[in-house]
């Protein structure tokens, strides 16, 4: 079939997307962008199938489908002028060129789990590249590698690996609807981190569209950019389209348990003891602690602050059999009081079903892209010295507030392989010396959407309370637990090195300086930017007060 001439396609695009009088103002903002795309695309017949503007009947459903944090789904939240869902990476360079020509920012979304919504929200005119259609996964079990497009989700990756081999895995996160693109570019960790490190530690190649519209792989992008996108956040450097991953060995059977202890059952002392035991225990063991008012065994919220209201839940994944795990805990952590009957053996792929409360005989459920959406705010810290008992008791008091009814703090253990990898290996620097990451998430129901600040204020107070107990030189945070409270770039004009360092040093420590140098080379005009993107080095020499 003969393609229509460019002039005809331009007219068709504007007719489809811009003629509605109800959106004539916004149409004017993006019509030049659409005209540019019509000239750039070579395959004209497919362009209308991947473009959504506010007048399109599916615009809202496409935008909201991967909007995980409902705090950014309100009518007042800025919306993209255009959403584009490319079906091949070759369709992305024209988007980059046309956005630059029309002063539009680009936000790239893979799974939509950015805690602060930066993959689909901007305060300036912008377009969203939604990678939902770029989700192909190719697993080579013999070579123990996988090519994964950036729009694929973790659940799909794990399922595809298990189809090829039950003895291979990947050290990514627990939530199956998290996008591979953002997860790995920020570091990415899960229950295999003490055995194998981060997801980003296992990237052996990648493909990215840079600010010049070039499609680059590891060889053509060079080792500096390849280093930067593995933990430094891909959104600062381009549009990552795919990762090549080195898979890891997992045993035929892993062992899991979940036990819960209330304050009346010595939970405080157990959490205190956990800080001394678990970061140095056998690296085959991942033992996380979640503390809050919700009873994970019943799903109900415990009221008040008596001895039974707060509980500490210990979740475990052990790369081995139940007998070996039982002997290890009896030797290293007998105070926890687990018994052989608490353990369940299963395959590695089934462990993700277990953690996500999916029946163990339904692994295909990991392919489901539907998210459980929520209103939430998160913070994170790193702990290098155990918090004393009175410090923990002070922390528990925050759960007496009604804002904490659906909140928790999570103690995520480090040590093992994490302590062996140099902190400059990739941009993620939080390695040796860290006992654990301390993560707080507060959720609230839809009926309190207009009162979000009350919950956010509670979270900020808890964050301030933790100051004496967490790493403070500088204070440290995990990039994938995005938190704009720790600092943001200048929303108008250039961002100075000093201003960006406020948040950048918390995420990346001294690696921030190398990220700035890489940014200065690959994107000196700072096209790819957001509230917490790496600034180019020239901004360091400015004396602006921003």
Protein backbone atom coordinates (compact mmCIF):
# COMPACT_ATOMS: atom_id res chain seq x y z
CA UNK A 1 0.00 0.00 0.00
CA UNK A 2 1.37 3.39 -1.01
CA UNK A 3 2.06 5.75 1.91
CA UNK A 4 0.21 9.08 1.88
CA UNK A 5 2.28 12.18 1.16
CA UNK A 6 3.62 14.05 4.18
CA UNK A 7 1.33 17.00 3.62
CA UNK A 8 -1.70 14.71 3.65
CA UNK A 9 -0.54 12.96 6.81
CA UNK A 10 -0.03 16.30 8.55
CA UNK A 11 -3.59 17.28 7.70
CA UNK A 12 -4.92 13.91 8.93
CA UNK A 13 -3.03 14.21 12.23
CA UNK A 14 -4.29 17.71 12.89
CA UNK A 15 -7.81 16.70 11.94
CA UNK A 16 -7.76 13.75 14.33
CA UNK A 17 -5.99 15.38 17.25
CA UNK A 18 -6.50 19.13 17.06
CA UNK A 19 -9.86 20.15 15.63
CA UNK A 20 -11.90 19.86 18.81
CA UNK A 21 -12.96 23.32 19.98
CA UNK A 22 -13.05 22.06 23.57
CA UNK A 23 -9.29 21.70 23.53
CA UNK A 24 -8.29 24.29 20.95
CA UNK A 25 -5.83 26.06 23.26
CA UNK A 26 -3.88 22.95 24.14
CA UNK A 27 -4.11 21.78 20.52
CA UNK A 28 -2.28 24.93 19.44
CA UNK A 29 0.50 24.05 21.89
CA UNK A 30 1.17 20.68 20.37
CA UNK A 31 0.09 20.98 16.75
CA UNK A 32 3.59 21.99 15.64
CA UNK A 33 4.94 18.96 17.47
CA UNK A 34 2.52 16.74 15.55
CA UNK A 35 3.44 18.42 12.27
CA UNK A 36 7.09 17.74 13.04
CA UNK A 37 6.38 14.07 13.78
CA UNK A 38 4.52 13.67 10.51
CA UNK A 39 7.59 14.87 8.66
CA UNK A 40 10.04 12.76 10.65
CA UNK A 41 8.26 9.39 10.63
CA UNK A 42 8.94 7.19 7.64
CA UNK A 43 6.22 4.65 8.37
CA UNK A 44 3.26 7.00 8.15
CA UNK A 45 0.59 4.32 8.37
CA UNK A 46 1.35 3.49 12.02
CA UNK A 47 1.76 6.93 13.55
CA UNK A 48 -1.88 7.52 14.44
CA UNK A 49 -1.96 4.27 16.41
CA UNK A 50 0.68 5.38 18.90
CA UNK A 51 -0.29 9.03 19.54
CA UNK A 52 -2.79 10.19 22.15
CA UNK A 53 -3.73 13.83 22.78
CA UNK A 54 -6.30 15.13 25.29
CA UNK A 55 -9.05 14.95 22.63
CA UNK A 56 -8.44 11.26 22.02
CA UNK A 57 -11.09 9.01 23.56
CA UNK A 58 -8.42 6.78 25.13
CA UNK A 59 -6.12 9.56 26.36
CA UNK A 60 -7.23 9.43 30.01
CA UNK A 61 -7.22 5.64 30.20
CA UNK A 62 -3.71 5.46 28.70
CA UNK A 63 -2.45 8.13 31.11
CA UNK A 64 -4.02 6.63 34.22
CA UNK A 65 -3.33 2.97 33.46
CA UNK A 66 0.25 3.22 34.76
CA UNK A 67 -0.30 6.06 37.25
CA UNK A 68 0.49 4.12 40.41
CA UNK A 69 0.50 6.95 42.95
CA UNK A 70 -3.01 8.40 42.84
CA UNK A 71 -1.71 11.59 44.44
CA UNK A 72 -0.75 12.52 40.88
CA UNK A 73 -4.05 11.54 39.25
CA UNK A 74 -6.03 14.60 40.36
CA UNK A 75 -7.56 17.09 37.95
CA UNK A 76 -5.06 19.72 39.09
CA UNK A 77 -2.04 17.59 38.20
CA UNK A 78 -0.33 18.86 35.00
CA UNK A 79 -1.05 16.57 32.04
CA UNK A 80 1.11 15.79 29.01
CA UNK A 81 0.33 17.54 25.74
CA UNK A 82 0.82 14.22 23.97
CA UNK A 83 1.32 10.60 25.02
CA UNK A 84 3.22 8.40 22.59
CA UNK A 85 3.41 4.60 22.90
CA UNK A 86 6.17 3.55 20.49
CA UNK A 87 6.11 0.01 19.19
CA UNK A 88 9.77 0.02 18.17
CA UNK A 89 12.81 1.96 19.34
CA UNK A 90 13.19 3.44 15.85
CA UNK A 91 10.05 5.49 16.53
CA UNK A 92 11.70 7.31 19.46
CA UNK A 93 14.37 9.48 17.77
CA UNK A 94 11.75 11.56 15.89
CA UNK A 95 10.00 12.22 19.21
CA UNK A 96 13.27 13.50 20.70
CA UNK A 97 13.96 15.76 17.71
CA UNK A 98 10.45 17.18 17.57
CA UNK A 99 10.23 17.77 21.32
CA UNK A 100 13.47 19.75 21.16
CA UNK A 101 12.26 21.82 18.24
CA UNK A 102 9.03 22.70 20.04
CA UNK A 103 10.39 23.32 23.58
CA UNK A 104 8.62 20.32 25.07
CA UNK A 105 10.15 18.22 27.83
CA UNK A 106 10.09 14.44 27.60
CA UNK A 107 9.07 12.18 30.44
CA UNK A 108 9.63 8.44 29.93
CA UNK A 109 7.43 5.89 31.67
CA UNK A 110 8.03 2.15 31.85
CA UNK A 111 5.87 0.94 34.75
CA UNK A 112 4.69 4.18 36.37
CA UNK A 113 5.98 3.42 39.88
CA UNK A 114 8.00 6.61 40.32
CA UNK A 115 7.09 7.60 43.88
CA UNK A 116 6.90 11.29 42.95
CA UNK A 117 5.29 10.78 39.54
CA UNK A 118 8.22 12.22 37.60
CA UNK A 119 7.79 9.72 34.75
CA UNK A 120 4.44 11.25 33.79
CA UNK A 121 4.19 14.70 35.48
CA UNK A 122 5.97 17.99 34.76
CA UNK A 123 5.36 21.63 35.63
CA UNK A 124 6.30 22.74 32.11
CA UNK A 125 4.80 21.68 28.75
CA UNK A 126 5.79 18.07 28.12
CA UNK A 127 5.10 14.83 26.30
CA UNK A 128 5.18 11.32 27.72
CA UNK A 129 6.90 8.42 26.01
CA UNK A 130 5.04 5.45 27.45
CA UNK A 131 7.03 2.26 26.81
CA UNK A 132 4.15 -0.12 27.45
CA UNK A 133 4.41 -1.57 23.93
CA UNK A 134 8.17 -2.10 24.21
CA UNK A 135 7.96 -5.15 26.45
CA UNK A 136 9.61 -8.01 24.56
CA UNK A 137 11.74 -10.44 26.59
CA UNK A 138 14.20 -12.92 25.08
CA UNK A 139 15.84 -15.40 27.45
CA UNK A 140 18.92 -17.46 26.51
CA UNK A 141 19.08 -20.10 29.26
CA UNK A 142 22.27 -21.65 27.93
CA UNK A 143 24.14 -18.33 28.02
CA UNK A 144 22.29 -17.28 31.19
CA UNK A 145 21.34 -13.93 29.66
CA UNK A 146 18.17 -12.05 28.73
CA UNK A 147 17.37 -9.06 26.54
CA UNK A 148 14.51 -7.16 28.12
CA UNK A 149 12.79 -4.14 26.61
CA UNK A 150 12.34 -1.26 29.04
CA UNK A 151 8.54 -1.39 29.04
CA UNK A 152 8.48 -4.96 30.37
CA UNK A 153 7.52 -5.53 33.99
CA UNK A 154 9.44 -7.48 36.61
CA UNK A 155 6.71 -10.10 36.88
CA UNK A 156 6.92 -10.80 33.15
CA UNK A 157 10.71 -11.04 33.33
CA UNK A 158 10.59 -13.60 36.15
CA UNK A 159 7.88 -15.61 34.38
CA UNK A 160 9.82 -15.71 31.10
CA UNK A 161 12.97 -16.83 32.92
CA UNK A 162 11.05 -19.63 34.65
CA UNK A 163 9.69 -20.83 31.32
CA UNK A 164 13.26 -21.50 30.22
CA UNK A 165 14.70 -22.72 33.52
CA UNK A 166 13.65 -23.03 37.15
CA UNK A 167 17.33 -22.83 38.14
CA UNK A 168 17.86 -19.30 36.87
CA UNK A 169 16.72 -16.03 38.43
CA UNK A 170 17.42 -12.31 38.50
CA UNK A 171 18.09 -10.04 41.53
CA UNK A 172 15.23 -7.58 41.01
CA UNK A 173 12.42 -6.31 43.21
CA UNK A 174 9.37 -8.05 44.63
CA UNK A 175 6.55 -6.05 43.01
CA UNK A 176 5.61 -7.68 39.67
CA UNK A 177 4.14 -4.50 38.13
CA UNK A 178 7.31 -2.41 38.47
CA UNK A 179 8.79 -1.45 35.07
CA UNK A 180 12.18 -2.88 34.18
CA UNK A 181 13.36 0.39 32.63
CA UNK A 182 13.13 2.58 35.73
CA UNK A 183 13.83 -0.18 38.24
CA UNK A 184 17.22 -1.09 36.84
CA UNK A 185 18.26 2.46 35.93
CA UNK A 186 17.87 3.41 39.62
CA UNK A 187 19.71 0.36 40.98
CA UNK A 188 16.92 -2.10 41.70
CA UNK A 189 16.97 -4.61 44.53
CA UNK A 190 14.97 -7.44 46.00
CA UNK A 191 15.38 -10.64 48.01
CA UNK A 192 18.56 -11.71 46.17
CA UNK A 193 20.54 -8.55 46.98
CA UNK A 194 22.59 -10.10 49.79
CA UNK A 195 23.55 -13.01 47.53
CA UNK A 196 24.06 -11.21 44.22
CA UNK A 197 23.76 -7.44 44.72
CA UNK A 198 21.54 -5.14 42.66
CA UNK A 199 19.71 -5.59 39.40
CA UNK A 200 21.95 -2.89 37.91
CA UNK A 201 25.04 -4.89 38.91
CA UNK A 202 23.95 -7.51 36.36
CA UNK A 203 23.49 -5.36 33.26
CA UNK A 204 25.94 -6.33 30.52
CA UNK A 205 24.58 -4.25 27.63
CA UNK A 206 21.88 -1.66 27.01
CA UNK A 207 20.23 0.39 24.30
CA UNK A 208 19.44 4.08 24.67
CA UNK A 209 18.23 6.97 22.53
CA UNK A 210 20.34 10.00 23.43
CA UNK A 211 19.68 13.74 23.13
CA UNK A 212 20.94 13.68 19.53
CA UNK A 213 18.41 11.02 18.63
CA UNK A 214 21.04 8.34 18.21
CA UNK A 215 20.26 4.73 19.13
CA UNK A 216 23.29 3.50 21.05
CA UNK A 217 24.40 0.22 22.56
CA UNK A 218 27.17 -0.31 25.10
CA UNK A 219 29.92 -0.19 22.51
CA UNK A 220 28.70 2.96 20.79
CA UNK A 221 27.65 4.83 23.94
CA UNK A 222 30.97 4.21 25.69
CA UNK A 223 31.73 2.98 29.19
CA UNK A 224 31.06 6.31 30.95
CA UNK A 225 27.45 6.53 29.81
CA UNK A 226 27.00 2.79 30.31
CA UNK A 227 28.21 3.28 33.89
CA UNK A 228 25.87 6.23 34.48
CA UNK A 229 22.61 4.59 33.42
CA UNK A 230 23.12 1.58 35.71
CA UNK A 231 21.92 3.20 38.93
CA UNK A 232 22.18 6.89 38.06
CA UNK A 233 18.67 7.17 36.68
CA UNK A 234 18.11 6.79 32.95
CA UNK A 235 15.86 9.85 32.70
CA UNK A 236 18.86 12.19 32.93
CA UNK A 237 20.64 10.76 29.91
CA UNK A 238 18.10 9.63 27.33
CA UNK A 239 15.40 7.06 26.70
CA UNK A 240 16.55 3.58 27.66
CA UNK A 241 14.86 1.05 25.39
CA UNK A 242 16.36 -2.28 26.48
CA UNK A 243 18.72 -4.03 28.88
CA UNK A 244 20.82 -7.14 28.41
CA UNK A 245 20.95 -8.92 31.74
CA UNK A 246 23.21 -11.53 33.25
CA UNK A 247 20.97 -14.05 34.98
CA UNK A 248 21.97 -15.79 38.22
CA UNK A 249 21.78 -19.32 39.57
CA UNK A 250 19.06 -20.21 42.05
CA UNK A 251 18.55 -23.58 43.76
CA UNK A 252 15.77 -25.98 42.91
CA UNK A 253 14.11 -25.17 46.24
CA UNK A 254 14.08 -22.01 48.32
CA UNK A 255 12.58 -21.68 51.80
CA UNK A 256 10.25 -18.96 53.01
CA UNK A 257 8.55 -18.05 56.25
CA UNK A 258 6.47 -15.24 57.67
CA UNK A 259 6.24 -14.78 61.41
CA UNK A 260 4.71 -11.89 63.31
CA UNK A 261 5.47 -10.62 66.80
CA UNK A 262 3.60 -7.87 68.67
CA UNK A 263 5.14 -5.49 71.18
CA UNK A 264 3.72 -7.70 73.91
CA UNK A 265 5.57 -10.59 72.29
CA UNK A 266 8.94 -8.85 72.53
CA UNK A 267 8.90 -7.28 69.06
CA UNK A 268 11.09 -4.33 70.07
CA UNK A 269 13.84 -6.53 71.44
CA UNK A 270 13.66 -8.78 68.38
CA UNK A 271 14.03 -5.86 65.97
CA UNK A 272 16.89 -4.54 68.08
CA UNK A 273 18.61 -7.93 67.99
CA UNK A 274 17.93 -8.28 64.23
CA UNK A 275 20.18 -5.24 63.60
CA UNK A 276 23.17 -7.08 65.05
CA UNK A 277 22.53 -10.50 63.54
CA UNK A 278 21.11 -10.29 60.05
CA UNK A 279 23.48 -7.94 58.17
CA UNK A 280 26.34 -10.35 58.92
CA UNK A 281 24.51 -13.65 58.53
CA UNK A 282 24.89 -16.16 55.67
CA UNK A 283 24.34 -14.31 52.36
CA UNK A 284 21.87 -17.00 51.27
CA UNK A 285 19.41 -15.53 53.79
CA UNK A 286 17.24 -12.49 53.14
CA UNK A 287 15.29 -11.60 56.28
CA UNK A 288 13.34 -8.36 56.13
CA UNK A 289 11.31 -6.73 58.93
CA UNK A 290 8.12 -4.73 58.44
CA UNK A 291 6.74 -2.80 61.41
CA UNK A 292 3.31 -1.23 61.51
CA UNK A 293 -0.24 -1.41 62.82
CA UNK A 294 -1.57 -3.69 60.12
CA UNK A 295 -1.77 -7.37 60.96
CA UNK A 296 -0.43 -9.02 57.81
CA UNK A 297 -2.00 -12.32 58.80
CA UNK A 298 -5.52 -10.90 58.98
CA UNK A 299 -5.21 -7.77 56.85
CA UNK A 300 -6.79 -5.70 59.63
CA UNK A 301 -5.46 -2.54 61.23
CA UNK A 302 -4.74 -2.79 64.94
CA UNK A 303 -6.02 0.28 66.84
CA UNK A 304 -4.23 2.12 69.63
CA UNK A 305 -0.73 1.71 70.97
CA UNK A 306 -0.94 -1.02 73.56
CA UNK A 307 1.16 -4.16 73.57
CA UNK A 308 -0.81 -5.81 70.78
CA UNK A 309 -1.37 -2.90 68.42
CA UNK A 310 2.03 -2.74 66.70
CA UNK A 311 3.59 -5.78 65.17
CA UNK A 312 6.92 -6.65 63.58
CA UNK A 313 6.60 -9.08 60.69
CA UNK A 314 9.68 -11.05 59.66
CA UNK A 315 9.70 -12.22 56.03
CA UNK A 316 12.39 -14.56 54.78
CA UNK A 317 13.68 -16.01 51.55
CA UNK A 318 16.49 -18.53 51.94
CA UNK A 319 18.40 -20.02 49.02
CA UNK A 320 18.35 -23.55 50.34
CA UNK A 321 16.29 -26.12 52.19
CA UNK A 322 14.25 -25.81 55.37
CA UNK A 323 16.54 -27.98 57.51
CA UNK A 324 19.57 -25.85 56.75
CA UNK A 325 17.66 -22.63 57.41
CA UNK A 326 16.31 -23.94 60.70
CA UNK A 327 19.80 -24.85 61.87
CA UNK A 328 21.14 -21.43 60.82
CA UNK A 329 18.46 -19.52 62.73
CA UNK A 330 18.81 -21.72 65.79
CA UNK A 331 22.49 -20.82 65.84
CA UNK A 332 22.38 -17.13 64.89
CA UNK A 333 18.91 -15.85 65.84
CA UNK A 334 17.25 -18.25 68.30
CA UNK A 335 15.39 -15.34 69.93
CA UNK A 336 13.06 -15.18 66.92
CA UNK A 337 11.59 -18.50 67.98
CA UNK A 338 10.83 -19.93 64.55
CA UNK A 339 10.05 -23.64 64.35
CA UNK A 340 10.30 -26.12 61.50
CA UNK A 341 6.56 -25.84 60.87
CA UNK A 342 6.92 -22.14 59.98
CA UNK A 343 8.88 -22.97 56.83
CA UNK A 344 7.61 -23.62 53.31
CA UNK A 345 9.79 -24.90 50.49
CA UNK A 346 9.05 -23.89 46.89
CA UNK A 347 10.72 -22.87 43.64
CA UNK A 348 12.28 -19.43 43.19
CA UNK A 349 9.53 -18.30 40.82
CA UNK A 350 6.89 -19.41 43.33
CA UNK A 351 8.48 -17.19 45.98
CA UNK A 352 7.26 -14.13 44.06
CA UNK A 353 3.77 -15.56 44.04
CA UNK A 354 4.06 -16.13 47.80
CA UNK A 355 5.24 -12.57 48.54
CA UNK A 356 2.45 -11.13 46.38
CA UNK A 357 -0.25 -13.39 47.86
CA UNK A 358 -0.89 -15.15 44.55
CA UNK A 359 -1.76 -18.89 44.53
CA UNK A 360 1.41 -20.89 43.95
CA UNK A 361 -0.11 -22.74 40.99
CA UNK A 362 -0.85 -19.54 39.05
CA UNK A 363 2.53 -18.21 37.84
CA UNK A 364 0.86 -16.71 34.77
CA UNK A 365 -0.62 -14.09 37.13
CA UNK A 366 2.83 -12.46 37.08
CA UNK A 367 2.06 -11.34 33.52
CA UNK A 368 -0.81 -9.14 34.69
CA UNK A 369 0.04 -5.43 34.19
CA UNK A 370 -2.89 -4.20 36.29
CA UNK A 371 -1.62 -2.27 39.30
CA UNK A 372 -3.00 -1.83 42.79
CA UNK A 373 -3.09 1.95 42.85
CA UNK A 374 -2.74 3.98 46.02
CA UNK A 375 -2.15 7.38 47.61
CA UNK A 376 1.27 7.35 49.23
CA UNK A 377 4.41 9.16 50.36
CA UNK A 378 7.76 7.48 51.00
CA UNK A 379 11.12 8.31 52.58
CA UNK A 380 14.29 6.27 52.97
CA UNK A 381 17.43 6.32 55.08
CA UNK A 382 20.53 4.21 55.66
CA UNK A 383 21.60 2.90 59.05
CA UNK A 384 25.21 2.07 59.94
CA UNK A 385 24.89 1.87 63.73
CA UNK A 386 22.09 -0.12 65.38
CA UNK A 387 19.23 2.02 66.67
CA UNK A 388 19.02 1.60 70.48
CA UNK A 389 15.90 0.22 72.13
CA UNK A 390 14.71 3.63 73.28
CA UNK A 391 15.13 4.94 69.72
CA UNK A 392 12.93 2.13 68.40
CA UNK A 393 10.36 2.77 71.11
CA UNK A 394 10.24 6.42 70.10
CA UNK A 395 9.72 5.35 66.50
CA UNK A 396 6.80 3.12 67.45
CA UNK A 397 5.04 6.10 69.07
CA UNK A 398 4.47 7.61 65.64
CA UNK A 399 2.07 4.77 64.97
CA UNK A 400 -0.27 6.08 67.66
CA UNK A 401 -1.39 8.75 65.20
CA UNK A 402 -4.41 8.09 62.96
CA UNK A 403 -2.30 8.98 59.91
CA UNK A 404 -0.28 5.83 60.55
CA UNK A 405 -3.18 3.40 60.24
CA UNK A 406 -1.91 2.22 56.84
CA UNK A 407 1.80 2.85 57.23
CA UNK A 408 4.91 0.87 57.94
CA UNK A 409 8.66 1.09 58.32
CA UNK A 410 10.70 -1.57 56.57
CA UNK A 411 14.14 -2.72 57.70
CA UNK A 412 15.84 -4.10 54.58
CA UNK A 413 19.13 -5.88 55.35
CA UNK A 414 22.40 -5.28 53.54
CA UNK A 415 25.71 -7.06 54.03
CA UNK A 416 26.70 -10.14 52.05
CA UNK A 417 27.47 -9.38 48.41
CA UNK A 418 26.36 -5.77 48.86
CA UNK A 419 29.34 -5.18 51.16
CA UNK A 420 31.77 -6.68 48.65
CA UNK A 421 31.03 -4.49 45.59
CA UNK A 422 32.94 -1.16 45.51
CA UNK A 423 30.68 1.87 45.92
CA UNK A 424 32.03 3.37 42.68
CA UNK A 425 31.29 0.24 40.64
CA UNK A 426 28.05 1.83 39.45
CA UNK A 427 26.38 5.11 40.55
CA UNK A 428 24.51 3.38 43.40
CA UNK A 429 26.98 3.91 46.30
CA UNK A 430 25.33 2.37 49.39
CA UNK A 431 27.51 -0.66 49.95
CA UNK A 432 29.93 -1.66 52.74
CA UNK A 433 29.21 -0.17 56.15
CA UNK A 434 25.44 -0.05 55.76
CA UNK A 435 23.54 -2.41 58.03
CA UNK A 436 20.22 -1.81 56.32
CA UNK A 437 17.96 0.55 54.45
CA UNK A 438 15.13 1.99 56.54
CA UNK A 439 12.12 2.79 54.40
CA UNK A 440 8.89 4.42 55.52
CA UNK A 441 5.73 4.49 53.42
CA UNK A 442 2.45 6.07 54.48
CA UNK A 443 -0.73 5.35 52.55
CA UNK A 444 -4.13 6.98 52.78
CA UNK A 445 -7.59 6.19 51.44
CA UNK A 446 -9.29 7.94 48.55
CA UNK A 447 -11.75 9.65 50.85
CA UNK A 448 -8.80 11.55 52.36
CA UNK A 449 -7.39 12.64 49.00
CA UNK A 450 -8.13 16.29 49.78
CA UNK A 451 -6.31 15.92 53.09
CA UNK A 452 -3.08 14.46 51.71
CA UNK A 453 -0.90 17.04 53.43
CA UNK A 454 -1.86 15.63 56.81
CA UNK A 455 -0.29 12.28 55.93
CA UNK A 456 2.70 13.85 54.24
CA UNK A 457 3.30 15.98 57.33
CA UNK A 458 3.28 12.83 59.48
CA UNK A 459 5.88 11.27 57.19
CA UNK A 460 8.11 14.35 57.41
CA UNK A 461 7.96 14.37 61.20
CA UNK A 462 9.00 10.72 61.31
CA UNK A 463 11.87 11.49 58.92
CA UNK A 464 13.09 14.28 61.22
CA UNK A 465 12.82 12.02 64.26
CA UNK A 466 15.19 9.52 62.66
CA UNK A 467 17.95 12.10 62.16
CA UNK A 468 20.12 11.07 65.16
CA UNK A 469 19.91 7.39 64.24
CA UNK A 470 20.64 7.31 60.50
CA UNK A 471 23.58 8.15 58.24
CA UNK A 472 24.04 11.93 58.13
CA UNK A 473 27.36 12.71 56.46
CA UNK A 474 25.60 13.31 54.16
CA UNK A 475 22.18 11.89 54.85
CA UNK A 476 21.61 9.06 52.39
CA UNK A 477 18.60 7.91 50.39
CA UNK A 478 17.84 5.33 47.72
CA UNK A 479 17.16 6.86 44.31
CA UNK A 480 14.30 4.50 43.47
CA UNK A 481 12.54 5.60 46.67
CA UNK A 482 12.18 9.03 45.11
CA UNK A 483 11.65 11.85 47.61
CA UNK A 484 11.43 15.46 46.41
CA UNK A 485 11.57 16.67 50.02
CA UNK A 486 15.33 16.13 50.04
CA UNK A 487 15.89 18.73 47.32
CA UNK A 488 14.89 19.68 43.78
CA UNK A 489 16.39 21.42 40.78
CA UNK A 490 15.55 24.96 39.74
CA UNK A 491 12.14 24.73 38.01
CA UNK A 492 13.01 27.70 35.78
CA UNK A 493 16.36 28.11 34.11
CA UNK A 494 19.64 26.42 34.94
CA UNK A 495 20.31 24.44 38.07
CA UNK A 496 23.60 25.06 39.82
CA UNK A 497 25.87 22.22 40.85
CA UNK A 498 25.50 23.34 44.48
CA UNK A 499 21.72 23.15 44.38
CA UNK A 500 21.63 19.75 42.68
CA UNK A 501 24.23 18.45 45.13
CA UNK A 502 21.75 18.87 47.98
CA UNK A 503 19.76 15.89 46.75
CA UNK A 504 22.38 14.34 44.47
CA UNK A 505 24.90 13.60 47.22
CA UNK A 506 22.19 11.87 49.25
CA UNK A 507 21.40 9.47 46.43
CA UNK A 508 24.86 9.03 44.92
CA UNK A 509 27.48 10.32 47.41
CA UNK A 510 30.76 11.04 45.60
CA UNK A 511 29.49 9.27 42.46
CA UNK A 512 27.35 12.36 41.85
CA UNK A 513 30.40 14.22 40.53
CA UNK A 514 31.08 11.58 37.89
CA UNK A 515 27.41 11.59 36.88
CA UNK A 516 27.63 15.35 36.36
CA UNK A 517 30.69 14.92 34.15
CA UNK A 518 28.96 12.26 32.05
CA UNK A 519 25.85 14.42 31.71
CA UNK A 520 27.99 17.34 30.55
CA UNK A 521 29.33 15.24 27.68
CA UNK A 522 26.22 13.38 26.51
CA UNK A 523 23.56 16.07 27.12
CA UNK A 524 25.31 19.43 27.62
CA UNK A 525 22.16 21.41 26.80
CA UNK A 526 20.26 19.52 29.50
CA UNK A 527 17.38 18.39 27.31
CA UNK A 528 16.56 15.36 29.44
CA UNK A 529 15.68 16.89 32.78
CA UNK A 530 13.26 16.77 35.68
CA UNK A 531 13.09 17.89 39.30
CA UNK A 532 15.89 15.49 40.26
CA UNK A 533 17.88 15.00 37.06
CA UNK A 534 21.64 15.27 36.85
CA UNK A 535 22.69 18.80 35.72
CA UNK A 536 25.48 19.41 33.20
CA UNK A 537 28.78 20.63 34.59
CA UNK A 538 28.58 24.15 33.14
CA UNK A 539 25.92 24.95 35.73
CA UNK A 540 28.55 24.46 38.43
CA UNK A 541 30.32 27.62 37.28
CA UNK A 542 27.25 29.79 37.45
CA UNK A 543 26.77 32.05 40.43
CA UNK A 544 23.03 32.09 40.20
CA UNK A 545 21.00 31.96 43.36
CA UNK A 546 18.35 29.39 42.59
